[in-house]
PDB file of N, CA and C in Angstrom:
ATOM      1  N   MET A   1     -14.143 -24.460  13.830  1.00  0.00           N
ATOM      2  CA  MET A   1     -13.225 -24.148  14.910  1.00  0.00           C
ATOM      3  C   MET A   1     -12.015 -23.392  14.352  1.00  0.00           C
ATOM      4  N   GLU A   2     -11.696 -22.306  14.978  1.00  0.00           N
ATOM      5  CA  GLU A   2     -10.605 -21.462  14.513  1.00  0.00           C
ATOM      6  C   GLU A   2      -9.270 -21.979  15.046  1.00  0.00           C
ATOM      7  N   THR A   3      -8.302 -22.091  14.150  1.00  0.00           N
ATOM      8  CA  THR A   3      -6.972 -22.523  14.561  1.00  0.00           C
ATOM      9  C   THR A   3      -6.138 -21.303  14.934  1.00  0.00           C
ATOM     10  N   LYS A   4      -4.985 -21.568  15.520  1.00  0.00           N
ATOM     11  CA  LYS A   4      -4.086 -20.467  15.876  1.00  0.00           C
ATOM     12  C   LYS A   4      -3.643 -19.697  14.634  1.00  0.00           C
ATOM     13  N   GLU A   5      -3.435 -20.444  13.532  1.00  0.00           N
ATOM     14  CA  GLU A   5      -2.983 -19.808  12.297  1.00  0.00           C
ATOM     15  C   GLU A   5      -4.048 -18.879  11.712  1.00  0.00           C
ATOM     16  N   THR A   6      -5.299 -19.320  11.715  1.00  0.00           N
ATOM     17  CA  THR A   6      -6.347 -18.463  11.164  1.00  0.00           C
ATOM     18  C   THR A   6      -6.613 -17.269  12.082  1.00  0.00           C
ATOM     19  N   ALA A   7      -6.458 -17.460  13.391  1.00  0.00           N
ATOM     20  CA  ALA A   7      -6.618 -16.341  14.317  1.00  0.00           C
ATOM     21  C   ALA A   7      -5.520 -15.309  14.093  1.00  0.00           C
ATOM     22  N   LEU A   8      -4.292 -15.797  13.912  1.00  0.00           N
ATOM     23  CA  LEU A   8      -3.171 -14.894  13.653  1.00  0.00           C
ATOM     24  C   LEU A   8      -3.364 -14.163  12.333  1.00  0.00           C
ATOM     25  N   LEU A   9      -3.781 -14.893  11.307  1.00  0.00           N
ATOM     26  CA  LEU A   9      -4.015 -14.267  10.004  1.00  0.00           C
ATOM     27  C   LEU A   9      -5.090 -13.190  10.109  1.00  0.00           C
ATOM     28  N   GLY A  10      -6.118 -13.437  10.885  1.00  0.00           N
ATOM     29  CA  GLY A  10      -7.163 -12.433  11.091  1.00  0.00           C
ATOM     30  C   GLY A  10      -6.625 -11.174  11.734  1.00  0.00           C
ATOM     31  N   LYS A  11      -5.768 -11.340  12.743  1.00  0.00           N
ATOM     32  CA  LYS A  11      -5.158 -10.177  13.403  1.00  0.00           C
ATOM     33  C   LYS A  11      -4.242  -9.421  12.446  1.00  0.00           C
ATOM     34  N   LEU A  12      -3.461 -10.177  11.670  1.00  0.00           N
ATOM     35  CA  LEU A  12      -2.553  -9.544  10.717  1.00  0.00           C
ATOM     36  C   LEU A  12      -3.314  -8.785   9.635  1.00  0.00           C
ATOM     37  N   ARG A  13      -4.432  -9.347   9.206  1.00  0.00           N
ATOM     38  CA  ARG A  13      -5.242  -8.650   8.193  1.00  0.00           C
ATOM     39  C   ARG A  13      -5.846  -7.366   8.760  1.00  0.00           C
ATOM     40  N   GLY A  14      -6.174  -7.378  10.039  1.00  0.00           N
ATOM     41  CA  GLY A  14      -6.659  -6.153  10.673  1.00  0.00           C
ATOM     42  C   GLY A  14      -5.594  -5.077  10.672  1.00  0.00           C
ATOM     43  N   LEU A  15      -4.366  -5.465  10.994  1.00  0.00           N
ATOM     44  CA  LEU A  15      -3.255  -4.516  10.950  1.00  0.00           C
ATOM     45  C   LEU A  15      -2.968  -4.076   9.519  1.00  0.00           C
ATOM     46  N   PHE A  16      -3.094  -5.017   8.586  1.00  0.00           N
ATOM     47  CA  PHE A  16      -2.897  -4.678   7.171  1.00  0.00           C
ATOM     48  C   PHE A  16      -3.878  -3.605   6.732  1.00  0.00           C
ATOM     49  N   ALA A  17      -5.120  -3.709   7.161  1.00  0.00           N
ATOM     50  CA  ALA A  17      -6.137  -2.737   6.761  1.00  0.00           C
ATOM     51  C   ALA A  17      -5.741  -1.321   7.191  1.00  0.00           C
ATOM     52  N   ILE A  18      -5.202  -1.214   8.389  1.00  0.00           N
ATOM     53  CA  ILE A  18      -4.759   0.101   8.885  1.00  0.00           C
ATOM     54  C   ILE A  18      -3.574   0.595   8.057  1.00  0.00           C
ATOM     55  N   GLU A  19      -2.612  -0.285   7.843  1.00  0.00           N
ATOM     56  CA  GLU A  19      -1.430   0.074   7.076  1.00  0.00           C
ATOM     57  C   GLU A  19      -1.791   0.408   5.626  1.00  0.00           C
ATOM     58  N   ALA A  20      -2.696  -0.367   5.039  1.00  0.00           N
ATOM     59  CA  ALA A  20      -3.103  -0.132   3.659  1.00  0.00           C
ATOM     60  C   ALA A  20      -3.738   1.241   3.501  1.00  0.00           C
ATOM     61  N   GLU A  21      -4.530   1.635   4.475  1.00  0.00           N
ATOM     62  CA  GLU A  21      -5.161   2.956   4.412  1.00  0.00           C
ATOM     63  C   GLU A  21      -4.105   4.056   4.367  1.00  0.00           C
ATOM     64  N   GLU A  22      -3.052   3.902   5.151  1.00  0.00           N
ATOM     65  CA  GLU A  22      -1.969   4.888   5.153  1.00  0.00           C
ATOM     66  C   GLU A  22      -1.247   4.916   3.804  1.00  0.00           C
ATOM     67  N   HIS A  23      -0.979   3.730   3.258  1.00  0.00           N
ATOM     68  CA  HIS A  23      -0.301   3.668   1.963  1.00  0.00           C
ATOM     69  C   HIS A  23      -1.182   4.240   0.853  1.00  0.00           C
ATOM     70  N   LEU A  24      -2.463   3.931   0.886  1.00  0.00           N
ATOM     71  CA  LEU A  24      -3.370   4.465  -0.132  1.00  0.00           C
ATOM     72  C   LEU A  24      -3.462   5.983  -0.057  1.00  0.00           C
ATOM     73  N   HIS A  25      -3.412   6.520   1.150  1.00  0.00           N
ATOM     74  CA  HIS A  25      -3.411   7.975   1.309  1.00  0.00           C
ATOM     75  C   HIS A  25      -2.157   8.573   0.654  1.00  0.00           C
ATOM     76  N   ALA A  26      -1.011   7.964   0.910  1.00  0.00           N
ATOM     77  CA  ALA A  26       0.238   8.458   0.332  1.00  0.00           C
ATOM     78  C   ALA A  26       0.245   8.303  -1.186  1.00  0.00           C
ATOM     79  N   ILE A  27      -0.310   7.208  -1.686  1.00  0.00           N
ATOM     80  CA  ILE A  27      -0.398   6.981  -3.133  1.00  0.00           C
ATOM     81  C   ILE A  27      -1.276   8.050  -3.774  1.00  0.00           C
ATOM     82  N   THR A  28      -2.423   8.314  -3.181  1.00  0.00           N
ATOM     83  CA  THR A  28      -3.332   9.335  -3.694  1.00  0.00           C
ATOM     84  C   THR A  28      -2.671  10.711  -3.699  1.00  0.00           C
ATOM     85  N   LYS A  29      -1.986  11.026  -2.615  1.00  0.00           N
ATOM     86  CA  LYS A  29      -1.291  12.311  -2.512  1.00  0.00           C
ATOM     87  C   LYS A  29      -0.236  12.448  -3.617  1.00  0.00           C
ATOM     88  N   SER A  30       0.511  11.380  -3.872  1.00  0.00           N
ATOM     89  CA  SER A  30       1.533  11.406  -4.918  1.00  0.00           C
ATOM     90  C   SER A  30       0.909  11.559  -6.304  1.00  0.00           C
ATOM     91  N   LEU A  31      -0.159  10.832  -6.568  1.00  0.00           N
ATOM     92  CA  LEU A  31      -0.822  10.929  -7.868  1.00  0.00           C
ATOM     93  C   LEU A  31      -1.372  12.332  -8.106  1.00  0.00           C
ATOM     94  N   LEU A  32      -1.950  12.914  -7.079  1.00  0.00           N
ATOM     95  CA  LEU A  32      -2.473  14.273  -7.211  1.00  0.00           C
ATOM     96  C   LEU A  32      -1.353  15.275  -7.458  1.00  0.00           C
ATOM     97  N   ALA A  33      -0.217  15.077  -6.795  1.00  0.00           N
ATOM     98  CA  ALA A  33       0.921  15.972  -7.009  1.00  0.00           C
ATOM     99  C   ALA A  33       1.431  15.868  -8.442  1.00  0.00           C
ATOM    100  N   LEU A  34       1.485  14.650  -8.972  1.00  0.00           N
ATOM    101  CA  LEU A  34       1.923  14.473 -10.360  1.00  0.00           C
ATOM    102  C   LEU A  34       0.927  15.085 -11.333  1.00  0.00           C
ATOM    103  N   GLU A  35      -0.337  14.980 -11.015  1.00  0.00           N
ATOM    104  CA  GLU A  35      -1.376  15.526 -11.887  1.00  0.00           C
ATOM    105  C   GLU A  35      -1.341  17.053 -11.903  1.00  0.00           C
ATOM    106  N   LYS A  36      -1.103  17.654 -10.745  1.00  0.00           N
ATOM    107  CA  LYS A  36      -1.112  19.119 -10.643  1.00  0.00           C
ATOM    108  C   LYS A  36       0.104  19.746 -11.307  1.00  0.00           C
ATOM    109  N   GLN A  37       1.255  19.100 -11.190  1.00  0.00           N
ATOM    110  CA  GLN A  37       2.483  19.675 -11.740  1.00  0.00           C
ATOM    111  C   GLN A  37       3.272  18.607 -12.487  1.00  0.00           C
ATOM    112  N   PRO A  38       2.791  18.184 -13.645  1.00  0.00           N
ATOM    113  CA  PRO A  38       3.475  17.103 -14.365  1.00  0.00           C
ATOM    114  C   PRO A  38       4.877  17.473 -14.856  1.00  0.00           C
ATOM    115  N   GLU A  39       5.161  18.739 -14.980  1.00  0.00           N
ATOM    116  CA  GLU A  39       6.471  19.182 -15.480  1.00  0.00           C
ATOM    117  C   GLU A  39       7.411  19.621 -14.358  1.00  0.00           C
ATOM    118  N   SER A  40       7.024  19.425 -13.135  1.00  0.00           N
ATOM    119  CA  SER A  40       7.796  19.898 -11.994  1.00  0.00           C
ATOM    120  C   SER A  40       9.135  19.182 -11.864  1.00  0.00           C
ATOM    121  N   ALA A  41      10.112  19.888 -11.335  1.00  0.00           N
ATOM    122  CA  ALA A  41      11.424  19.294 -11.065  1.00  0.00           C
ATOM    123  C   ALA A  41      11.323  18.245  -9.955  1.00  0.00           C
ATOM    124  N   LEU A  42      10.269  18.312  -9.165  1.00  0.00           N
ATOM    125  CA  LEU A  42      10.074  17.369  -8.074  1.00  0.00           C
ATOM    126  C   LEU A  42       9.401  16.077  -8.526  1.00  0.00           C
ATOM    127  N   GLN A  43       9.051  16.000  -9.806  1.00  0.00           N
ATOM    128  CA  GLN A  43       8.303  14.870 -10.340  1.00  0.00           C
ATOM    129  C   GLN A  43       9.017  13.532 -10.073  1.00  0.00           C
ATOM    130  N   GLU A  44      10.320  13.482 -10.256  1.00  0.00           N
ATOM    131  CA  GLU A  44      11.058  12.233 -10.065  1.00  0.00           C
ATOM    132  C   GLU A  44      10.941  11.739  -8.616  1.00  0.00           C
ATOM    133  N   GLY A  45      11.084  12.638  -7.675  1.00  0.00           N
ATOM    134  CA  GLY A  45      10.969  12.263  -6.267  1.00  0.00           C
ATOM    135  C   GLY A  45       9.574  11.787  -5.911  1.00  0.00           C
ATOM    136  N   VAL A  46       8.579  12.452  -6.469  1.00  0.00           N
ATOM    137  CA  VAL A  46       7.192  12.060  -6.219  1.00  0.00           C
ATOM    138  C   VAL A  46       6.930  10.674  -6.810  1.00  0.00           C
ATOM    139  N   ALA A  47       7.448  10.435  -8.001  1.00  0.00           N
ATOM    140  CA  ALA A  47       7.270   9.126  -8.642  1.00  0.00           C
ATOM    141  C   ALA A  47       7.958   8.036  -7.839  1.00  0.00           C
ATOM    142  N   GLU A  48       9.125   8.310  -7.314  1.00  0.00           N
ATOM    143  CA  GLU A  48       9.827   7.334  -6.478  1.00  0.00           C
ATOM    144  C   GLU A  48       9.016   7.005  -5.235  1.00  0.00           C
ATOM    145  N   THR A  49       8.464   8.021  -4.610  1.00  0.00           N
ATOM    146  CA  THR A  49       7.615   7.811  -3.430  1.00  0.00           C
ATOM    147  C   THR A  49       6.399   6.974  -3.796  1.00  0.00           C
ATOM    148  N   LEU A  50       5.789   7.294  -4.916  1.00  0.00           N
ATOM    149  CA  LEU A  50       4.621   6.557  -5.384  1.00  0.00           C
ATOM    150  C   LEU A  50       4.950   5.074  -5.578  1.00  0.00           C
ATOM    151  N   PHE A  51       6.029   4.780  -6.296  1.00  0.00           N
ATOM    152  CA  PHE A  51       6.400   3.392  -6.538  1.00  0.00           C
ATOM    153  C   PHE A  51       6.753   2.653  -5.244  1.00  0.00           C
ATOM    154  N   ARG A  52       7.411   3.334  -4.323  1.00  0.00           N
ATOM    155  CA  ARG A  52       7.772   2.718  -3.043  1.00  0.00           C
ATOM    156  C   ARG A  52       6.524   2.364  -2.243  1.00  0.00           C
ATOM    157  N   GLU A  53       5.546   3.264  -2.225  1.00  0.00           N
ATOM    158  CA  GLU A  53       4.297   2.999  -1.497  1.00  0.00           C
ATOM    159  C   GLU A  53       3.533   1.822  -2.113  1.00  0.00           C
ATOM    160  N   VAL A  54       3.467   1.783  -3.437  1.00  0.00           N
ATOM    161  CA  VAL A  54       2.768   0.688  -4.119  1.00  0.00           C
ATOM    162  C   VAL A  54       3.484  -0.636  -3.851  1.00  0.00           C
ATOM    163  N   HIS A  55       4.789  -0.622  -3.922  1.00  0.00           N
ATOM    164  CA  HIS A  55       5.565  -1.847  -3.692  1.00  0.00           C
ATOM    165  C   HIS A  55       5.384  -2.352  -2.260  1.00  0.00           C
ATOM    166  N   THR A  56       5.390  -1.452  -1.314  1.00  0.00           N
ATOM    167  CA  THR A  56       5.204  -1.831   0.087  1.00  0.00           C
ATOM    168  C   THR A  56       3.813  -2.390   0.319  1.00  0.00           C
ATOM    169  N   LEU A  57       2.809  -1.770  -0.277  1.00  0.00           N
ATOM    170  CA  LEU A  57       1.435  -2.254  -0.152  1.00  0.00           C
ATOM    171  C   LEU A  57       1.309  -3.649  -0.760  1.00  0.00           C
ATOM    172  N   LYS A  58       1.921  -3.837  -1.908  1.00  0.00           N
ATOM    173  CA  LYS A  58       1.886  -5.151  -2.572  1.00  0.00           C
ATOM    174  C   LYS A  58       2.533  -6.219  -1.688  1.00  0.00           C
ATOM    175  N   GLY A  59       3.667  -5.923  -1.111  1.00  0.00           N
ATOM    176  CA  GLY A  59       4.354  -6.878  -0.244  1.00  0.00           C
ATOM    177  C   GLY A  59       3.559  -7.206   0.999  1.00  0.00           C
ATOM    178  N   ALA A  60       2.945  -6.197   1.585  1.00  0.00           N
ATOM    179  CA  ALA A  60       2.130  -6.423   2.778  1.00  0.00           C
ATOM    180  C   ALA A  60       0.915  -7.280   2.448  1.00  0.00           C
ATOM    181  N   ALA A  61       0.328  -7.059   1.281  1.00  0.00           N
ATOM    182  CA  ALA A  61      -0.823  -7.860   0.861  1.00  0.00           C
ATOM    183  C   ALA A  61      -0.419  -9.314   0.667  1.00  0.00           C
ATOM    184  N   ARG A  62       0.738  -9.527   0.111  1.00  0.00           N
ATOM    185  CA  ARG A  62       1.216 -10.895  -0.083  1.00  0.00           C
ATOM    186  C   ARG A  62       1.426 -11.589   1.256  1.00  0.00           C
ATOM    187  N   ALA A  63       1.921 -10.855   2.241  1.00  0.00           N
ATOM    188  CA  ALA A  63       2.195 -11.437   3.551  1.00  0.00           C
ATOM    189  C   ALA A  63       0.933 -11.936   4.246  1.00  0.00           C
ATOM    190  N   VAL A  64      -0.223 -11.363   3.902  1.00  0.00           N
ATOM    191  CA  VAL A  64      -1.485 -11.768   4.541  1.00  0.00           C
ATOM    192  C   VAL A  64      -2.412 -12.487   3.555  1.00  0.00           C
ATOM    193  N   ASN A  65      -1.813 -13.018   2.496  1.00  0.00           N
ATOM    194  CA  ASN A  65      -2.543 -13.837   1.521  1.00  0.00           C
ATOM    195  C   ASN A  65      -3.716 -13.121   0.860  1.00  0.00           C
ATOM    196  N   LEU A  66      -3.520 -11.858   0.512  1.00  0.00           N
ATOM    197  CA  LEU A  66      -4.543 -11.104  -0.211  1.00  0.00           C
ATOM    198  C   LEU A  66      -4.072 -10.931  -1.659  1.00  0.00           C
ATOM    199  N   SER A  67      -4.190 -12.009  -2.413  1.00  0.00           N
ATOM    200  CA  SER A  67      -3.658 -12.023  -3.768  1.00  0.00           C
ATOM    201  C   SER A  67      -4.336 -10.998  -4.680  1.00  0.00           C
ATOM    202  N   GLU A  68      -5.598 -10.659  -4.413  1.00  0.00           N
ATOM    203  CA  GLU A  68      -6.284  -9.669  -5.248  1.00  0.00           C
ATOM    204  C   GLU A  68      -5.618  -8.307  -5.114  1.00  0.00           C
ATOM    205  N   VAL A  69      -5.235  -7.965  -3.909  1.00  0.00           N
ATOM    206  CA  VAL A  69      -4.567  -6.678  -3.675  1.00  0.00           C
ATOM    207  C   VAL A  69      -3.140  -6.747  -4.222  1.00  0.00           C
ATOM    208  N   GLU A  70      -2.486  -7.862  -3.997  1.00  0.00           N
ATOM    209  CA  GLU A  70      -1.113  -8.038  -4.471  1.00  0.00           C
ATOM    210  C   GLU A  70      -1.037  -7.882  -5.992  1.00  0.00           C
ATOM    211  N   ALA A  71      -2.013  -8.463  -6.693  1.00  0.00           N
ATOM    212  CA  ALA A  71      -2.004  -8.399  -8.159  1.00  0.00           C
ATOM    213  C   ALA A  71      -2.248  -6.968  -8.619  1.00  0.00           C
TER     214      ALA A  71
END
């Protein structure tokens, strides 16, 4: 029997999946930008964006008890 808490967690994990896809897209885009132009003056900004996306993804994973993703 499903409790209210497990039902809520299921809904939150569904939303997490959508959000994670967006963050992974941004992470991939940042990594590719760093790979293409490692000496670029924009490198610092790209790295900041990359770290922010990873940190946000990690926090969201923790909120829905996905320790594998959080780690």
